Protein backbone atom coordinates (compact mmCIF):
# COMPACT_ATOMS: atom_id res chain seq x y z
CA MET A 1 -51.09 -19.14 57.61
CA CYS A 2 -47.67 -20.49 56.90
CA TYR A 3 -46.85 -24.13 57.58
CA TYR A 4 -43.41 -25.64 57.51
CA LYS A 5 -41.93 -28.95 58.41
CA LYS A 6 -39.11 -28.95 60.87
CA VAL A 7 -36.10 -30.59 59.18
CA SER A 8 -32.99 -31.76 60.95
CA TYR A 9 -29.56 -30.32 60.18
CA PHE A 10 -28.37 -33.72 58.87
CA ALA A 11 -31.33 -33.99 56.49
CA ILE A 12 -30.42 -30.59 55.02
CA LEU A 13 -26.80 -31.68 54.52
CA LYS A 14 -27.95 -34.83 52.76
CA ILE A 15 -30.14 -32.78 50.38
CA GLN A 16 -27.32 -30.34 49.67
CA ARG A 17 -24.84 -33.16 48.89
CA LYS A 18 -27.20 -34.55 46.27
CA ARG A 19 -27.69 -31.13 44.69
CA ILE A 20 -24.02 -30.13 44.57
CA ALA A 21 -22.29 -32.83 42.60
CA LYS A 22 -19.42 -30.81 41.10
CA MET A 23 -16.52 -29.02 42.73
CA ILE A 24 -13.79 -26.84 41.33
CA TYR A 25 -10.41 -28.57 41.33
CA GLY A 26 -8.48 -25.61 39.99
CA ILE A 27 -8.59 -22.38 38.02
CA GLY A 28 -5.99 -20.82 35.78
CA CYS A 29 -5.62 -17.60 33.86
CA ASP A 30 -2.97 -16.40 31.44
CA ILE A 31 -2.32 -13.50 29.10
CA ALA A 32 0.10 -13.52 26.16
CA LYS A 33 1.48 -10.66 24.10
CA VAL A 34 0.52 -11.34 20.48
CA SER A 35 3.61 -9.69 18.94
CA ARG A 36 5.85 -12.17 20.79
CA PHE A 37 4.55 -14.93 18.50
CA GLU A 38 5.80 -13.39 15.24
CA LYS A 39 9.16 -15.15 15.61
CA TRP A 40 7.28 -18.39 16.40
CA VAL A 41 5.22 -18.11 13.21
CA LYS A 42 8.42 -17.65 11.20
CA ASN A 43 9.99 -20.74 12.81
CA PRO A 44 8.09 -24.00 12.11
CA GLU A 45 10.24 -25.88 14.66
CA LEU A 46 8.84 -23.74 17.49
CA ILE A 47 5.28 -24.19 16.27
CA ASN A 48 5.71 -27.98 16.05
CA ARG A 49 7.27 -28.09 19.52
CA PHE A 50 4.49 -26.20 21.30
CA PHE A 51 1.35 -27.05 19.32
CA ASN A 52 -0.56 -30.15 18.29
CA GLY A 53 -0.96 -30.87 14.57
CA CYS A 54 -4.69 -30.05 14.83
CA GLU A 55 -3.84 -26.53 16.01
CA ILE A 56 -1.27 -25.75 13.33
CA ILE A 57 -2.42 -23.57 10.47
CA LYS A 58 -0.49 -23.90 7.25
CA SER A 59 0.26 -20.36 6.24
CA GLU A 60 0.11 -19.57 2.59
CA GLY A 61 0.64 -16.05 1.47
CA GLU A 62 2.22 -13.07 3.07
CA GLY A 63 1.09 -9.81 4.48
CA GLU A 64 0.59 -7.97 7.71
CA LYS A 65 -3.02 -9.13 8.20
CA LYS A 66 -2.06 -12.79 7.70
CA MET A 67 0.82 -12.45 10.19
CA GLN A 68 -1.46 -10.75 12.73
CA PHE A 69 -4.08 -13.52 12.34
CA LEU A 70 -1.49 -16.27 12.85
CA CYS A 71 0.07 -14.52 15.85
CA GLU A 72 -3.35 -14.10 17.51
CA HIS A 73 -4.17 -17.74 16.76
CA TYR A 74 -1.02 -19.11 18.40
CA ALA A 75 -0.96 -16.58 21.25
CA SER A 76 -4.51 -17.48 22.31
CA ARG A 77 -3.78 -21.21 22.18
CA PHE A 78 -0.54 -20.84 24.12
CA ALA A 79 -2.34 -18.75 26.77
CA ALA A 80 -4.94 -21.55 26.99
CA LYS A 81 -2.23 -24.17 27.55
CA GLU A 82 -0.59 -22.02 30.21
CA ALA A 83 -3.93 -21.41 31.96
CA PHE A 84 -4.68 -25.16 31.85
CA SER A 85 -1.32 -26.00 33.43
CA LYS A 86 -2.05 -23.51 36.22
CA ALA A 87 -5.54 -24.93 36.82
CA LEU A 88 -4.08 -28.43 36.95
CA GLY A 89 -1.50 -27.22 39.46
CA THR A 90 1.51 -28.68 37.67
CA GLY A 91 2.77 -25.86 35.50
CA PHE A 92 4.30 -27.38 32.38
CA THR A 93 6.07 -30.08 34.43
CA ASN A 94 5.35 -33.50 32.89
CA LEU A 95 3.09 -31.98 30.22
CA GLU A 96 3.90 -32.31 26.54
CA LEU A 97 2.47 -29.21 24.93
CA SER A 98 1.90 -30.99 21.64
CA ASP A 99 -0.12 -33.75 23.43
CA PHE A 100 -3.10 -31.46 24.04
CA GLY A 101 -4.66 -28.42 22.48
CA LEU A 102 -7.75 -26.51 21.46
CA LYS A 103 -10.32 -27.10 18.77
CA LYS A 104 -13.73 -25.57 18.12
CA ASN A 105 -16.89 -27.62 18.53
CA GLU A 106 -19.77 -27.50 16.04
CA ASN A 107 -21.01 -24.24 17.60
CA GLY A 108 -17.60 -22.57 17.46
CA LYS A 109 -16.95 -22.91 21.20
CA PRO A 110 -13.30 -23.69 22.02
CA GLU A 111 -12.71 -27.04 23.74
CA PHE A 112 -9.62 -28.87 24.87
CA PHE A 113 -8.66 -32.21 23.41
CA PHE A 114 -6.15 -34.40 25.24
CA GLY A 115 -3.70 -37.02 24.09
CA SER A 116 -3.14 -40.14 26.19
CA LYS A 117 -0.28 -38.73 28.31
CA THR A 118 -2.19 -35.60 29.31
CA ALA A 119 -5.41 -37.56 29.86
CA ASP A 120 -3.53 -39.89 32.24
CA ILE A 121 -2.19 -36.93 34.23
CA ILE A 122 -5.69 -35.43 34.49
CA GLU A 123 -7.16 -38.75 35.64
CA ARG A 124 -4.43 -39.27 38.27
CA ARG A 125 -4.81 -35.75 39.67
CA CYS A 126 -8.53 -35.07 39.20
CA GLY A 127 -10.29 -38.41 38.75
CA LYS A 128 -12.18 -39.93 35.84
CA ASN A 129 -15.04 -37.43 35.68
CA ALA A 130 -13.01 -34.22 35.42
CA LYS A 131 -14.36 -31.57 33.04
CA VAL A 132 -12.17 -28.79 31.68
CA GLN A 133 -13.91 -25.52 30.79
CA ILE A 134 -12.10 -22.89 28.69
CA SER A 135 -12.68 -19.30 27.65
CA ILE A 136 -10.29 -17.48 25.31
CA SER A 137 -10.22 -14.01 23.83
CA HIS A 138 -7.76 -12.01 21.77
CA GLU A 139 -7.38 -8.65 20.12
CA LYS A 140 -4.57 -6.83 18.38
CA GLU A 141 -2.06 -6.79 21.24
CA PHE A 142 -3.03 -9.48 23.76
CA ALA A 143 -4.61 -12.92 24.06
CA VAL A 144 -6.14 -14.11 27.33
CA SER A 145 -7.46 -17.43 28.55
CA PHE A 146 -9.34 -18.66 31.61
CA VAL A 147 -9.63 -22.36 32.55
CA VAL A 148 -11.71 -24.10 35.22
CA ILE A 149 -11.31 -27.80 36.03
CA GLU A 150 -14.41 -29.35 37.62
CA ILE A 151 -14.41 -32.67 39.43
CA GLY A 152 -17.18 -34.84 40.78
CA GLU A 153 -20.16 -36.71 39.40
């Protein structure tokens, strides 16, 4: 025999609210052509304008492999910034690109870090408990990034 307890619709909603504490505020995706960043790598002013000091790699040495590595590095990070701005819903309006960026955690997973100006914008738009999730990938020709901003408890 099968026994069940009859539960009201409102009791089910209350249970579901407790279980689902997070919601998606926004998503963003971007792709960047790696070769476009060769002129950026050759111009330190562009790199300093668009990237945080923690993201900048001091390039020593020459060669095609080194140039390809640097271009992929900056293309993937720029795609991440673009995807973040789309997920936030602002585009680059009011964002200083050098005020936030990507770093790897102890496991090698990319994570955003935010300066005070960007953190304030996130808090105003998304609340104090916003979480930003990032996925990046790159290969010889393209770099792609996907960002999800979660809000809630």
